[in-house]
PDB file of N, CA and C in Angstrom:
ATOM      1  N   MET A   1      19.493   9.836 -23.091  1.00  0.00           N
ATOM      2  CA  MET A   1      18.062   9.756 -23.280  1.00  0.00           C
ATOM      3  C   MET A   1      17.590   8.310 -23.125  1.00  0.00           C
ATOM      4  N   GLN A   2      18.401   7.366 -23.599  1.00  0.00           N
ATOM      5  CA  GLN A   2      18.019   5.962 -23.488  1.00  0.00           C
ATOM      6  C   GLN A   2      17.955   5.515 -22.030  1.00  0.00           C
ATOM      7  N   ILE A   3      18.861   6.023 -21.221  1.00  0.00           N
ATOM      8  CA  ILE A   3      18.856   5.678 -19.793  1.00  0.00           C
ATOM      9  C   ILE A   3      17.584   6.221 -19.146  1.00  0.00           C
ATOM     10  N   HIS A   4      17.197   7.422 -19.511  1.00  0.00           N
ATOM     11  CA  HIS A   4      15.972   8.007 -18.971  1.00  0.00           C
ATOM     12  C   HIS A   4      14.779   7.108 -19.281  1.00  0.00           C
ATOM     13  N   PHE A   5      14.673   6.705 -20.541  1.00  0.00           N
ATOM     14  CA  PHE A   5      13.554   5.855 -20.936  1.00  0.00           C
ATOM     15  C   PHE A   5      13.620   4.480 -20.268  1.00  0.00           C
ATOM     16  N   ALA A   6      14.809   3.927 -20.147  1.00  0.00           N
ATOM     17  CA  ALA A   6      14.960   2.605 -19.521  1.00  0.00           C
ATOM     18  C   ALA A   6      14.547   2.647 -18.051  1.00  0.00           C
ATOM     19  N   VAL A   7      14.952   3.692 -17.347  1.00  0.00           N
ATOM     20  CA  VAL A   7      14.585   3.819 -15.937  1.00  0.00           C
ATOM     21  C   VAL A   7      13.078   4.017 -15.801  1.00  0.00           C
ATOM     22  N   LEU A   8      12.510   4.862 -16.636  1.00  0.00           N
ATOM     23  CA  LEU A   8      11.062   5.101 -16.595  1.00  0.00           C
ATOM     24  C   LEU A   8      10.298   3.822 -16.920  1.00  0.00           C
ATOM     25  N   LEU A   9      10.748   3.087 -17.922  1.00  0.00           N
ATOM     26  CA  LEU A   9      10.103   1.827 -18.283  1.00  0.00           C
ATOM     27  C   LEU A   9      10.207   0.825 -17.140  1.00  0.00           C
ATOM     28  N   ALA A  10      11.365   0.741 -16.500  1.00  0.00           N
ATOM     29  CA  ALA A  10      11.536  -0.177 -15.366  1.00  0.00           C
ATOM     30  C   ALA A  10      10.576   0.172 -14.234  1.00  0.00           C
ATOM     31  N   MET A  11      10.416   1.453 -13.966  1.00  0.00           N
ATOM     32  CA  MET A  11       9.499   1.862 -12.899  1.00  0.00           C
ATOM     33  C   MET A  11       8.061   1.477 -13.230  1.00  0.00           C
ATOM     34  N   PHE A  12       7.648   1.684 -14.470  1.00  0.00           N
ATOM     35  CA  PHE A  12       6.282   1.324 -14.850  1.00  0.00           C
ATOM     36  C   PHE A  12       6.074  -0.190 -14.816  1.00  0.00           C
ATOM     37  N   VAL A  13       7.060  -0.944 -15.237  1.00  0.00           N
ATOM     38  CA  VAL A  13       6.938  -2.405 -15.218  1.00  0.00           C
ATOM     39  C   VAL A  13       6.860  -2.906 -13.784  1.00  0.00           C
ATOM     40  N   LEU A  14       7.736  -2.394 -12.913  1.00  0.00           N
ATOM     41  CA  LEU A  14       7.704  -2.825 -11.513  1.00  0.00           C
ATOM     42  C   LEU A  14       6.398  -2.430 -10.826  1.00  0.00           C
ATOM     43  N   SER A  15       5.890  -1.243 -11.137  1.00  0.00           N
ATOM     44  CA  SER A  15       4.623  -0.843 -10.528  1.00  0.00           C
ATOM     45  C   SER A  15       3.481  -1.703 -11.062  1.00  0.00           C
ATOM     46  N   PHE A  16       3.531  -2.056 -12.333  1.00  0.00           N
ATOM     47  CA  PHE A  16       2.512  -2.952 -12.887  1.00  0.00           C
ATOM     48  C   PHE A  16       2.528  -4.292 -12.168  1.00  0.00           C
ATOM     49  N   PHE A  17       3.717  -4.854 -11.952  1.00  0.00           N
ATOM     50  CA  PHE A  17       3.814  -6.130 -11.246  1.00  0.00           C
ATOM     51  C   PHE A  17       3.324  -6.010  -9.807  1.00  0.00           C
ATOM     52  N   ALA A  18       3.620  -4.898  -9.152  1.00  0.00           N
ATOM     53  CA  ALA A  18       3.135  -4.698  -7.782  1.00  0.00           C
ATOM     54  C   ALA A  18       1.612  -4.629  -7.755  1.00  0.00           C
ATOM     55  N   PHE A  19       1.031  -3.910  -8.704  1.00  0.00           N
ATOM     56  CA  PHE A  19      -0.433  -3.812  -8.773  1.00  0.00           C
ATOM     57  C   PHE A  19      -1.074  -5.168  -9.062  1.00  0.00           C
ATOM     58  N   THR A  20      -0.534  -5.906 -10.017  1.00  0.00           N
ATOM     59  CA  THR A  20      -1.139  -7.200 -10.345  1.00  0.00           C
ATOM     60  C   THR A  20      -0.969  -8.193  -9.210  1.00  0.00           C
ATOM     61  N   LEU A  21       0.156  -8.140  -8.508  1.00  0.00           N
ATOM     62  CA  LEU A  21       0.327  -9.013  -7.348  1.00  0.00           C
ATOM     63  C   LEU A  21      -0.678  -8.652  -6.266  1.00  0.00           C
ATOM     64  N   SER A  22      -0.883  -7.374  -6.022  1.00  0.00           N
ATOM     65  CA  SER A  22      -1.854  -6.968  -5.000  1.00  0.00           C
ATOM     66  C   SER A  22      -3.262  -7.382  -5.401  1.00  0.00           C
ATOM     67  N   LEU A  23      -3.583  -7.272  -6.681  1.00  0.00           N
ATOM     68  CA  LEU A  23      -4.896  -7.699  -7.154  1.00  0.00           C
ATOM     69  C   LEU A  23      -5.097  -9.190  -6.898  1.00  0.00           C
ATOM     70  N   ARG A  24      -4.086  -9.966  -7.184  1.00  0.00           N
ATOM     71  CA  ARG A  24      -4.145 -11.416  -6.938  1.00  0.00           C
ATOM     72  C   ARG A  24      -4.306 -11.709  -5.451  1.00  0.00           C
ATOM     73  N   GLN A  25      -3.550 -11.003  -4.626  1.00  0.00           N
ATOM     74  CA  GLN A  25      -3.638 -11.218  -3.178  1.00  0.00           C
ATOM     75  C   GLN A  25      -4.989 -10.784  -2.624  1.00  0.00           C
ATOM     76  N   PHE A  26      -5.526  -9.653  -3.103  1.00  0.00           N
ATOM     77  CA  PHE A  26      -6.856  -9.236  -2.667  1.00  0.00           C
ATOM     78  C   PHE A  26      -7.911 -10.260  -3.105  1.00  0.00           C
ATOM     79  N   ASN A  27      -7.727 -10.855  -4.278  1.00  0.00           N
ATOM     80  CA  ASN A  27      -8.639 -11.895  -4.740  1.00  0.00           C
ATOM     81  C   ASN A  27      -8.589 -13.104  -3.807  1.00  0.00           C
ATOM     82  N   HIS A  28      -7.391 -13.544  -3.452  1.00  0.00           N
ATOM     83  CA  HIS A  28      -7.256 -14.664  -2.504  1.00  0.00           C
ATOM     84  C   HIS A  28      -7.860 -14.301  -1.145  1.00  0.00           C
ATOM     85  N   PHE A  29      -7.665 -13.060  -0.736  1.00  0.00           N
ATOM     86  CA  PHE A  29      -8.243 -12.589   0.527  1.00  0.00           C
ATOM     87  C   PHE A  29      -9.768 -12.729   0.494  1.00  0.00           C
ATOM     88  N   CYS A  30     -10.381 -12.287  -0.596  1.00  0.00           N
ATOM     89  CA  CYS A  30     -11.846 -12.379  -0.715  1.00  0.00           C
ATOM     90  C   CYS A  30     -12.307 -13.832  -0.717  1.00  0.00           C
ATOM     91  N   ILE A  31     -11.576 -14.692  -1.391  1.00  0.00           N
ATOM     92  CA  ILE A  31     -11.927 -16.119  -1.414  1.00  0.00           C
ATOM     93  C   ILE A  31     -11.833 -16.710  -0.014  1.00  0.00           C
ATOM     94  N   MET A  32     -10.753 -16.395   0.693  1.00  0.00           N
ATOM     95  CA  MET A  32     -10.581 -16.925   2.051  1.00  0.00           C
ATOM     96  C   MET A  32     -11.644 -16.373   2.991  1.00  0.00           C
ATOM     97  N   LEU A  33     -11.982 -15.129   2.836  1.00  0.00           N
ATOM     98  CA  LEU A  33     -13.012 -14.519   3.672  1.00  0.00           C
ATOM     99  C   LEU A  33     -14.364 -15.177   3.405  1.00  0.00           C
ATOM    100  N   GLY A  34     -14.665 -15.423   2.140  1.00  0.00           N
ATOM    101  CA  GLY A  34     -15.917 -16.083   1.789  1.00  0.00           C
ATOM    102  C   GLY A  34     -15.966 -17.529   2.225  1.00  0.00           C
ATOM    103  N   ALA A  35     -14.812 -18.167   2.330  1.00  0.00           N
ATOM    104  CA  ALA A  35     -14.763 -19.576   2.715  1.00  0.00           C
ATOM    105  C   ALA A  35     -14.986 -19.789   4.214  1.00  0.00           C
ATOM    106  N   LEU A  36     -14.954 -18.718   4.988  1.00  0.00           N
ATOM    107  CA  LEU A  36     -15.142 -18.868   6.432  1.00  0.00           C
ATOM    108  C   LEU A  36     -16.531 -19.381   6.783  1.00  0.00           C
ATOM    109  N   GLY A  37     -17.511 -19.019   6.014  1.00  0.00           N
ATOM    110  CA  GLY A  37     -18.868 -19.444   6.309  1.00  0.00           C
ATOM    111  C   GLY A  37     -19.544 -18.479   7.259  1.00  0.00           C
ATOM    112  N   ARG A  38     -20.836 -18.556   7.303  1.00  0.00           N
ATOM    113  CA  ARG A  38     -21.600 -17.626   8.119  1.00  0.00           C
ATOM    114  C   ARG A  38     -21.893 -18.151   9.511  1.00  0.00           C
ATOM    115  N   HIS A  39     -21.938 -19.453   9.671  1.00  0.00           N
ATOM    116  CA  HIS A  39     -22.435 -19.996  10.926  1.00  0.00           C
ATOM    117  C   HIS A  39     -21.336 -20.483  11.857  1.00  0.00           C
ATOM    118  N   GLY A  40     -20.226 -20.917  11.312  1.00  0.00           N
ATOM    119  CA  GLY A  40     -19.150 -21.412  12.163  1.00  0.00           C
ATOM    120  C   GLY A  40     -18.246 -20.292  12.625  1.00  0.00           C
ATOM    121  N   GLU A  41     -17.598 -20.521  13.724  1.00  0.00           N
ATOM    122  CA  GLU A  41     -16.647 -19.532  14.225  1.00  0.00           C
ATOM    123  C   GLU A  41     -15.285 -19.765  13.583  1.00  0.00           C
ATOM    124  N   ALA A  42     -14.643 -18.698  13.205  1.00  0.00           N
ATOM    125  CA  ALA A  42     -13.313 -18.790  12.613  1.00  0.00           C
ATOM    126  C   ALA A  42     -12.292 -18.975  13.725  1.00  0.00           C
ATOM    127  N   THR A  43     -11.267 -19.753  13.428  1.00  0.00           N
ATOM    128  CA  THR A  43     -10.197 -19.962  14.406  1.00  0.00           C
ATOM    129  C   THR A  43      -9.221 -18.795  14.326  1.00  0.00           C
ATOM    130  N   ASP A  44      -8.447 -18.632  15.371  1.00  0.00           N
ATOM    131  CA  ASP A  44      -7.453 -17.562  15.383  1.00  0.00           C
ATOM    132  C   ASP A  44      -6.435 -17.688  14.247  1.00  0.00           C
ATOM    133  N   PRO A  45      -5.922 -18.912  13.944  1.00  0.00           N
ATOM    134  CA  PRO A  45      -4.992 -19.014  12.804  1.00  0.00           C
ATOM    135  C   PRO A  45      -5.630 -18.628  11.468  1.00  0.00           C
ATOM    136  N   GLU A  46      -6.918 -18.929  11.287  1.00  0.00           N
ATOM    137  CA  GLU A  46      -7.602 -18.544  10.050  1.00  0.00           C
ATOM    138  C   GLU A  46      -7.705 -17.023   9.950  1.00  0.00           C
ATOM    139  N   ILE A  47      -8.120 -16.411  11.037  1.00  0.00           N
ATOM    140  CA  ILE A  47      -8.241 -14.953  11.056  1.00  0.00           C
ATOM    141  C   ILE A  47      -6.883 -14.304  10.840  1.00  0.00           C
ATOM    142  N   ASP A  48      -5.848 -14.851  11.467  1.00  0.00           N
ATOM    143  CA  ASP A  48      -4.498 -14.308  11.323  1.00  0.00           C
ATOM    144  C   ASP A  48      -4.015 -14.425   9.874  1.00  0.00           C
ATOM    145  N   ALA A  49      -4.247 -15.553   9.240  1.00  0.00           N
ATOM    146  CA  ALA A  49      -3.816 -15.748   7.854  1.00  0.00           C
ATOM    147  C   ALA A  49      -4.534 -14.785   6.915  1.00  0.00           C
ATOM    148  N   ILE A  50      -5.829 -14.611   7.115  1.00  0.00           N
ATOM    149  CA  ILE A  50      -6.603 -13.703   6.268  1.00  0.00           C
ATOM    150  C   ILE A  50      -6.147 -12.258   6.471  1.00  0.00           C
ATOM    151  N   ALA A  51      -5.915 -11.883   7.719  1.00  0.00           N
ATOM    152  CA  ALA A  51      -5.459 -10.515   8.000  1.00  0.00           C
ATOM    153  C   ALA A  51      -4.073 -10.270   7.411  1.00  0.00           C
ATOM    154  N   ARG A  52      -3.173 -11.251   7.508  1.00  0.00           N
ATOM    155  CA  ARG A  52      -1.822 -11.089   6.940  1.00  0.00           C
ATOM    156  C   ARG A  52      -1.880 -10.970   5.422  1.00  0.00           C
ATOM    157  N   LEU A  53      -2.751 -11.777   4.786  1.00  0.00           N
ATOM    158  CA  LEU A  53      -2.882 -11.702   3.331  1.00  0.00           C
ATOM    159  C   LEU A  53      -3.402 -10.334   2.903  1.00  0.00           C
ATOM    160  N   ASN A  54      -4.370  -9.807   3.622  1.00  0.00           N
ATOM    161  CA  ASN A  54      -4.897  -8.468   3.324  1.00  0.00           C
ATOM    162  C   ASN A  54      -3.810  -7.412   3.503  1.00  0.00           C
ATOM    163  N   SER A  55      -3.010  -7.559   4.538  1.00  0.00           N
ATOM    164  CA  SER A  55      -1.917  -6.617   4.792  1.00  0.00           C
ATOM    165  C   SER A  55      -0.868  -6.676   3.676  1.00  0.00           C
ATOM    166  N   MET A  56      -0.533  -7.880   3.226  1.00  0.00           N
ATOM    167  CA  MET A  56       0.444  -8.015   2.133  1.00  0.00           C
ATOM    168  C   MET A  56      -0.092  -7.383   0.851  1.00  0.00           C
ATOM    169  N   ALA A  57      -1.383  -7.598   0.573  1.00  0.00           N
ATOM    170  CA  ALA A  57      -1.984  -7.028  -0.634  1.00  0.00           C
ATOM    171  C   ALA A  57      -1.961  -5.502  -0.574  1.00  0.00           C
ATOM    172  N   ALA A  58      -2.298  -4.958   0.584  1.00  0.00           N
ATOM    173  CA  ALA A  58      -2.276  -3.499   0.739  1.00  0.00           C
ATOM    174  C   ALA A  58      -0.862  -2.953   0.569  1.00  0.00           C
ATOM    175  N   LYS A  59       0.134  -3.667   1.103  1.00  0.00           N
ATOM    176  CA  LYS A  59       1.531  -3.223   0.981  1.00  0.00           C
ATOM    177  C   LYS A  59       1.958  -3.197  -0.492  1.00  0.00           C
ATOM    178  N   ASN A  60       1.620  -4.247  -1.236  1.00  0.00           N
ATOM    179  CA  ASN A  60       1.988  -4.284  -2.649  1.00  0.00           C
ATOM    180  C   ASN A  60       1.245  -3.222  -3.457  1.00  0.00           C
ATOM    181  N   PHE A  61      -0.009  -2.971  -3.116  1.00  0.00           N
ATOM    182  CA  PHE A  61      -0.758  -1.917  -3.794  1.00  0.00           C
ATOM    183  C   PHE A  61      -0.103  -0.564  -3.541  1.00  0.00           C
ATOM    184  N   ASN A  62       0.267  -0.297  -2.288  1.00  0.00           N
ATOM    185  CA  ASN A  62       0.929   0.970  -1.958  1.00  0.00           C
ATOM    186  C   ASN A  62       2.270   1.098  -2.665  1.00  0.00           C
ATOM    187  N   ASN A  63       3.011   0.001  -2.789  1.00  0.00           N
ATOM    188  CA  ASN A  63       4.281   0.049  -3.516  1.00  0.00           C
ATOM    189  C   ASN A  63       4.060   0.398  -4.980  1.00  0.00           C
ATOM    190  N   GLY A  64       2.996  -0.131  -5.577  1.00  0.00           N
ATOM    191  CA  GLY A  64       2.673   0.218  -6.955  1.00  0.00           C
ATOM    192  C   GLY A  64       2.335   1.692  -7.098  1.00  0.00           C
ATOM    193  N   LEU A  65       1.554   2.220  -6.138  1.00  0.00           N
ATOM    194  CA  LEU A  65       1.232   3.655  -6.163  1.00  0.00           C
ATOM    195  C   LEU A  65       2.482   4.512  -6.042  1.00  0.00           C
ATOM    196  N   ARG A  66       3.356   4.141  -5.111  1.00  0.00           N
ATOM    197  CA  ARG A  66       4.582   4.926  -4.922  1.00  0.00           C
ATOM    198  C   ARG A  66       5.436   4.920  -6.173  1.00  0.00           C
ATOM    199  N   ALA A  67       5.490   3.800  -6.866  1.00  0.00           N
ATOM    200  CA  ALA A  67       6.273   3.740  -8.103  1.00  0.00           C
ATOM    201  C   ALA A  67       5.712   4.710  -9.138  1.00  0.00           C
ATOM    202  N   TYR A  68       4.396   4.809  -9.222  1.00  0.00           N
ATOM    203  CA  TYR A  68       3.803   5.774 -10.146  1.00  0.00           C
ATOM    204  C   TYR A  68       4.104   7.203  -9.718  1.00  0.00           C
ATOM    205  N   TYR A  69       4.056   7.474  -8.420  1.00  0.00           N
ATOM    206  CA  TYR A  69       4.398   8.815  -7.943  1.00  0.00           C
ATOM    207  C   TYR A  69       5.818   9.189  -8.360  1.00  0.00           C
ATOM    208  N   PHE A  70       6.757   8.264  -8.180  1.00  0.00           N
ATOM    209  CA  PHE A  70       8.145   8.573  -8.510  1.00  0.00           C
ATOM    210  C   PHE A  70       8.387   8.564 -10.013  1.00  0.00           C
ATOM    211  N   ALA A  71       7.507   7.925 -10.762  1.00  0.00           N
ATOM    212  CA  ALA A  71       7.625   8.007 -12.222  1.00  0.00           C
ATOM    213  C   ALA A  71       7.407   9.441 -12.691  1.00  0.00           C
ATOM    214  N   VAL A  72       6.593  10.195 -11.974  1.00  0.00           N
ATOM    215  CA  VAL A  72       6.408  11.619 -12.299  1.00  0.00           C
ATOM    216  C   VAL A  72       7.739  12.354 -12.148  1.00  0.00           C
ATOM    217  N   ALA A  73       8.463  12.040 -11.083  1.00  0.00           N
ATOM    218  CA  ALA A  73       9.782  12.655 -10.894  1.00  0.00           C
ATOM    219  C   ALA A  73      10.737  12.243 -12.013  1.00  0.00           C
ATOM    220  N   MET A  74      10.593  11.017 -12.491  1.00  0.00           N
ATOM    221  CA  MET A  74      11.464  10.559 -13.573  1.00  0.00           C
ATOM    222  C   MET A  74      11.171  11.333 -14.866  1.00  0.00           C
ATOM    223  N   VAL A  75       9.920  11.707 -15.075  1.00  0.00           N
ATOM    224  CA  VAL A  75       9.579  12.505 -16.250  1.00  0.00           C
ATOM    225  C   VAL A  75      10.263  13.876 -16.159  1.00  0.00           C
ATOM    226  N   ALA A  76      10.340  14.420 -14.950  1.00  0.00           N
ATOM    227  CA  ALA A  76      11.024  15.708 -14.764  1.00  0.00           C
ATOM    228  C   ALA A  76      12.510  15.604 -15.101  1.00  0.00           C
ATOM    229  N   TRP A  77      13.054  14.398 -15.026  1.00  0.00           N
ATOM    230  CA  TRP A  77      14.463  14.175 -15.339  1.00  0.00           C
ATOM    231  C   TRP A  77      14.762  14.489 -16.806  1.00  0.00           C
ATOM    232  N   PHE A  78      13.759  14.388 -17.664  1.00  0.00           N
ATOM    233  CA  PHE A  78      13.964  14.734 -19.071  1.00  0.00           C
ATOM    234  C   PHE A  78      14.292  16.218 -19.231  1.00  0.00           C
ATOM    235  N   ALA A  79      13.756  17.042 -18.346  1.00  0.00           N
ATOM    236  CA  ALA A  79      14.008  18.481 -18.425  1.00  0.00           C
ATOM    237  C   ALA A  79      15.334  18.848 -17.768  1.00  0.00           C
ATOM    238  N   SER A  80      15.561  18.299 -16.567  1.00  0.00           N
ATOM    239  CA  SER A  80      16.769  18.671 -15.831  1.00  0.00           C
ATOM    240  C   SER A  80      16.989  17.698 -14.677  1.00  0.00           C
ATOM    241  N   SER A  81      18.238  17.415 -14.394  1.00  0.00           N
ATOM    242  CA  SER A  81      18.563  16.547 -13.253  1.00  0.00           C
ATOM    243  C   SER A  81      18.136  17.209 -11.951  1.00  0.00           C
ATOM    244  N   TRP A  82      18.351  18.511 -11.863  1.00  0.00           N
ATOM    245  CA  TRP A  82      17.987  19.233 -10.636  1.00  0.00           C
ATOM    246  C   TRP A  82      16.469  19.276 -10.450  1.00  0.00           C
ATOM    247  N   LEU A  83      15.753  19.406 -11.547  1.00  0.00           N
ATOM    248  CA  LEU A  83      14.296  19.381 -11.464  1.00  0.00           C
ATOM    249  C   LEU A  83      13.808  18.007 -10.999  1.00  0.00           C
ATOM    250  N   ALA A  84      14.461  16.948 -11.475  1.00  0.00           N
ATOM    251  CA  ALA A  84      14.106  15.594 -11.036  1.00  0.00           C
ATOM    252  C   ALA A  84      14.336  15.434  -9.534  1.00  0.00           C
ATOM    253  N   ILE A  85      15.428  15.988  -9.033  1.00  0.00           N
ATOM    254  CA  ILE A  85      15.708  15.928  -7.596  1.00  0.00           C
ATOM    255  C   ILE A  85      14.648  16.709  -6.827  1.00  0.00           C
ATOM    256  N   ALA A  86      14.327  17.898  -7.299  1.00  0.00           N
ATOM    257  CA  ALA A  86      13.319  18.720  -6.618  1.00  0.00           C
ATOM    258  C   ALA A  86      11.955  18.032  -6.617  1.00  0.00           C
ATOM    259  N   VAL A  87      11.566  17.454  -7.749  1.00  0.00           N
ATOM    260  CA  VAL A  87      10.272  16.777  -7.822  1.00  0.00           C
ATOM    261  C   VAL A  87      10.281  15.505  -6.970  1.00  0.00           C
ATOM    262  N   SER A  88      11.432  14.831  -6.884  1.00  0.00           N
ATOM    263  CA  SER A  88      11.541  13.645  -6.016  1.00  0.00           C
ATOM    264  C   SER A  88      11.361  14.019  -4.550  1.00  0.00           C
ATOM    265  N   VAL A  89      11.984  15.117  -4.135  1.00  0.00           N
ATOM    266  CA  VAL A  89      11.828  15.586  -2.751  1.00  0.00           C
ATOM    267  C   VAL A  89      10.373  15.978  -2.495  1.00  0.00           C
ATOM    268  N   ALA A  90       9.765  16.658  -3.455  1.00  0.00           N
ATOM    269  CA  ALA A  90       8.349  17.027  -3.306  1.00  0.00           C
ATOM    270  C   ALA A  90       7.470  15.779  -3.253  1.00  0.00           C
ATOM    271  N   THR A  91       7.816  14.760  -4.015  1.00  0.00           N
ATOM    272  CA  THR A  91       7.060  13.502  -4.002  1.00  0.00           C
ATOM    273  C   THR A  91       7.170  12.822  -2.642  1.00  0.00           C
ATOM    274  N   VAL A  92       8.366  12.806  -2.078  1.00  0.00           N
ATOM    275  CA  VAL A  92       8.547  12.227  -0.738  1.00  0.00           C
ATOM    276  C   VAL A  92       7.703  12.990   0.280  1.00  0.00           C
ATOM    277  N   ALA A  93       7.730  14.312   0.200  1.00  0.00           N
ATOM    278  CA  ALA A  93       6.918  15.117   1.122  1.00  0.00           C
ATOM    279  C   ALA A  93       5.430  14.822   0.941  1.00  0.00           C
ATOM    280  N   PHE A  94       5.001  14.687  -0.297  1.00  0.00           N
ATOM    281  CA  PHE A  94       3.610  14.365  -0.603  1.00  0.00           C
ATOM    282  C   PHE A  94       3.219  13.009  -0.007  1.00  0.00           C
ATOM    283  N   ILE A  95       4.077  12.004  -0.197  1.00  0.00           N
ATOM    284  CA  ILE A  95       3.789  10.664   0.325  1.00  0.00           C
ATOM    285  C   ILE A  95       3.780  10.666   1.848  1.00  0.00           C
ATOM    286  N   VAL A  96       4.736  11.338   2.464  1.00  0.00           N
ATOM    287  CA  VAL A  96       4.776  11.412   3.930  1.00  0.00           C
ATOM    288  C   VAL A  96       3.511  12.069   4.458  1.00  0.00           C
ATOM    289  N   HIS A  97       3.098  13.160   3.816  1.00  0.00           N
ATOM    290  CA  HIS A  97       1.869  13.830   4.255  1.00  0.00           C
ATOM    291  C   HIS A  97       0.669  12.902   4.115  1.00  0.00           C
ATOM    292  N   ARG A  98       0.556  12.232   2.977  1.00  0.00           N
ATOM    293  CA  ARG A  98      -0.584  11.343   2.742  1.00  0.00           C
ATOM    294  C   ARG A  98      -0.603  10.172   3.718  1.00  0.00           C
ATOM    295  N   GLU A  99       0.571   9.636   4.049  1.00  0.00           N
ATOM    296  CA  GLU A  99       0.614   8.431   4.874  1.00  0.00           C
ATOM    297  C   GLU A  99       0.583   8.703   6.368  1.00  0.00           C
ATOM    298  N   PHE A 100       1.036   9.858   6.803  1.00  0.00           N
ATOM    299  CA  PHE A 100       1.156  10.088   8.243  1.00  0.00           C
ATOM    300  C   PHE A 100       0.373  11.287   8.768  1.00  0.00           C
ATOM    301  N   PHE A 101      -0.066  12.189   7.914  1.00  0.00           N
ATOM    302  CA  PHE A 101      -0.722  13.403   8.389  1.00  0.00           C
ATOM    303  C   PHE A 101      -2.078  13.660   7.732  1.00  0.00           C
ATOM    304  N   SER A 102      -2.608  12.679   7.036  1.00  0.00           N
ATOM    305  CA  SER A 102      -3.873  12.866   6.335  1.00  0.00           C
ATOM    306  C   SER A 102      -5.054  12.545   7.246  1.00  0.00           C
ATOM    307  N   THR A 103      -6.215  12.951   6.810  1.00  0.00           N
ATOM    308  CA  THR A 103      -7.444  12.644   7.537  1.00  0.00           C
ATOM    309  C   THR A 103      -7.663  11.137   7.586  1.00  0.00           C
ATOM    310  N   ALA A 104      -7.374  10.450   6.499  1.00  0.00           N
ATOM    311  CA  ALA A 104      -7.541   8.992   6.465  1.00  0.00           C
ATOM    312  C   ALA A 104      -6.642   8.315   7.495  1.00  0.00           C
ATOM    313  N   HIS A 105      -5.411   8.803   7.638  1.00  0.00           N
ATOM    314  CA  HIS A 105      -4.501   8.223   8.639  1.00  0.00           C
ATOM    315  C   HIS A 105      -5.027   8.458  10.045  1.00  0.00           C
ATOM    316  N   ARG A 106      -5.500   9.665  10.311  1.00  0.00           N
ATOM    317  CA  ARG A 106      -6.050   9.956  11.646  1.00  0.00           C
ATOM    318  C   ARG A 106      -7.246   9.073  11.946  1.00  0.00           C
ATOM    319  N   LEU A 107      -8.100   8.870  10.957  1.00  0.00           N
ATOM    320  CA  LEU A 107      -9.267   8.017  11.144  1.00  0.00           C
ATOM    321  C   LEU A 107      -8.857   6.570  11.414  1.00  0.00           C
ATOM    322  N   ALA A 108      -7.926   6.062  10.626  1.00  0.00           N
ATOM    323  CA  ALA A 108      -7.466   4.683  10.829  1.00  0.00           C
ATOM    324  C   ALA A 108      -6.789   4.528  12.184  1.00  0.00           C
ATOM    325  N   ALA A 109      -6.015   5.518  12.584  1.00  0.00           N
ATOM    326  CA  ALA A 109      -5.347   5.456  13.892  1.00  0.00           C
ATOM    327  C   ALA A 109      -6.360   5.484  15.022  1.00  0.00           C
ATOM    328  N   SER A 110      -7.407   6.282  14.897  1.00  0.00           N
ATOM    329  CA  SER A 110      -8.412   6.340  15.962  1.00  0.00           C
ATOM    330  C   SER A 110      -9.176   5.025  16.059  1.00  0.00           C
ATOM    331  N   VAL A 111      -9.437   4.390  14.931  1.00  0.00           N
ATOM    332  CA  VAL A 111     -10.111   3.088  14.944  1.00  0.00           C
ATOM    333  C   VAL A 111      -9.206   2.036  15.575  1.00  0.00           C
ATOM    334  N   ALA A 112      -7.916   2.087  15.263  1.00  0.00           N
ATOM    335  CA  ALA A 112      -6.973   1.125  15.837  1.00  0.00           C
ATOM    336  C   ALA A 112      -6.875   1.297  17.348  1.00  0.00           C
ATOM    337  N   VAL A 113      -6.860   2.532  17.818  1.00  0.00           N
ATOM    338  CA  VAL A 113      -6.805   2.793  19.259  1.00  0.00           C
ATOM    339  C   VAL A 113      -8.077   2.283  19.931  1.00  0.00           C
ATOM    340  N   SER A 114      -9.223   2.529  19.322  1.00  0.00           N
ATOM    341  CA  SER A 114     -10.496   2.062  19.883  1.00  0.00           C
ATOM    342  C   SER A 114     -10.535   0.540  19.950  1.00  0.00           C
ATOM    343  N   ALA A 115     -10.074  -0.114  18.889  1.00  0.00           N
ATOM    344  CA  ALA A 115     -10.055  -1.578  18.866  1.00  0.00           C
ATOM    345  C   ALA A 115      -9.115  -2.129  19.921  1.00  0.00           C
ATOM    346  N   SER A 116      -7.985  -1.477  20.093  1.00  0.00           N
ATOM    347  CA  SER A 116      -7.017  -1.914  21.110  1.00  0.00           C
ATOM    348  C   SER A 116      -7.593  -1.779  22.512  1.00  0.00           C
ATOM    349  N   ARG A 117      -8.270  -0.679  22.769  1.00  0.00           N
ATOM    350  CA  ARG A 117      -8.892  -0.481  24.085  1.00  0.00           C
ATOM    351  C   ARG A 117      -9.993  -1.505  24.333  1.00  0.00           C
ATOM    352  N   ARG A 118     -10.789  -1.779  23.312  1.00  0.00           N
ATOM    353  CA  ARG A 118     -11.872  -2.746  23.442  1.00  0.00           C
ATOM    354  C   ARG A 118     -11.293  -4.137  23.715  1.00  0.00           C
ATOM    355  N   GLU A 119     -10.216  -4.486  23.032  1.00  0.00           N
ATOM    356  CA  GLU A 119      -9.578  -5.787  23.234  1.00  0.00           C
ATOM    357  C   GLU A 119      -9.003  -5.898  24.640  1.00  0.00           C
ATOM    358  N   GLU A 120      -8.414  -4.810  25.145  1.00  0.00           N
ATOM    359  CA  GLU A 120      -7.886  -4.782  26.512  1.00  0.00           C
ATOM    360  C   GLU A 120      -9.000  -5.032  27.523  1.00  0.00           C
ATOM    361  N   GLN A 121     -10.135  -4.373  27.325  1.00  0.00           N
ATOM    362  CA  GLN A 121     -11.257  -4.517  28.249  1.00  0.00           C
ATOM    363  C   GLN A 121     -11.838  -5.926  28.196  1.00  0.00           C
ATOM    364  N   GLU A 122     -11.831  -6.559  27.045  1.00  0.00           N
ATOM    365  CA  GLU A 122     -12.362  -7.917  26.917  1.00  0.00           C
ATOM    366  C   GLU A 122     -11.484  -8.931  27.610  1.00  0.00           C
ATOM    367  N   HIS A 123     -10.179  -8.673  27.672  1.00  0.00           N
ATOM    368  CA  HIS A 123      -9.246  -9.602  28.300  1.00  0.00           C
ATOM    369  C   HIS A 123      -9.157  -9.438  29.805  1.00  0.00           C
ATOM    370  N   ARG A 124      -9.804  -8.427  30.327  1.00  0.00           N
ATOM    371  CA  ARG A 124      -9.763  -8.215  31.780  1.00  0.00           C
ATOM    372  C   ARG A 124     -10.766  -9.058  32.479  1.00  0.00           C
TER     373      ARG A 124
END
């Protein structure tokens, strides 16, 4: 029982750290975005740094969410090891569906394709 609680506590602590790190990174992202100014043009390195920071923040936020999802599977471990395995597999299926087959993913992919095509046309 102590191992169950220790693993569950570790997952919650790690997810908390992932969330707080993402919050800090999103805060820095907003500061950097605001520092660009309205009238001057941003340089490519500035835009690249801001985009990378936003990407890192999103990655850490998603890692925090995934840790919470798997914490649900850890709760099932209190009932049965096999139930924990089944809930873990269901959690993986849930995450895969949300990340690769959801409406939000299709929308983001269509925007990325449109942006890529527009960038190609601008470079011609």
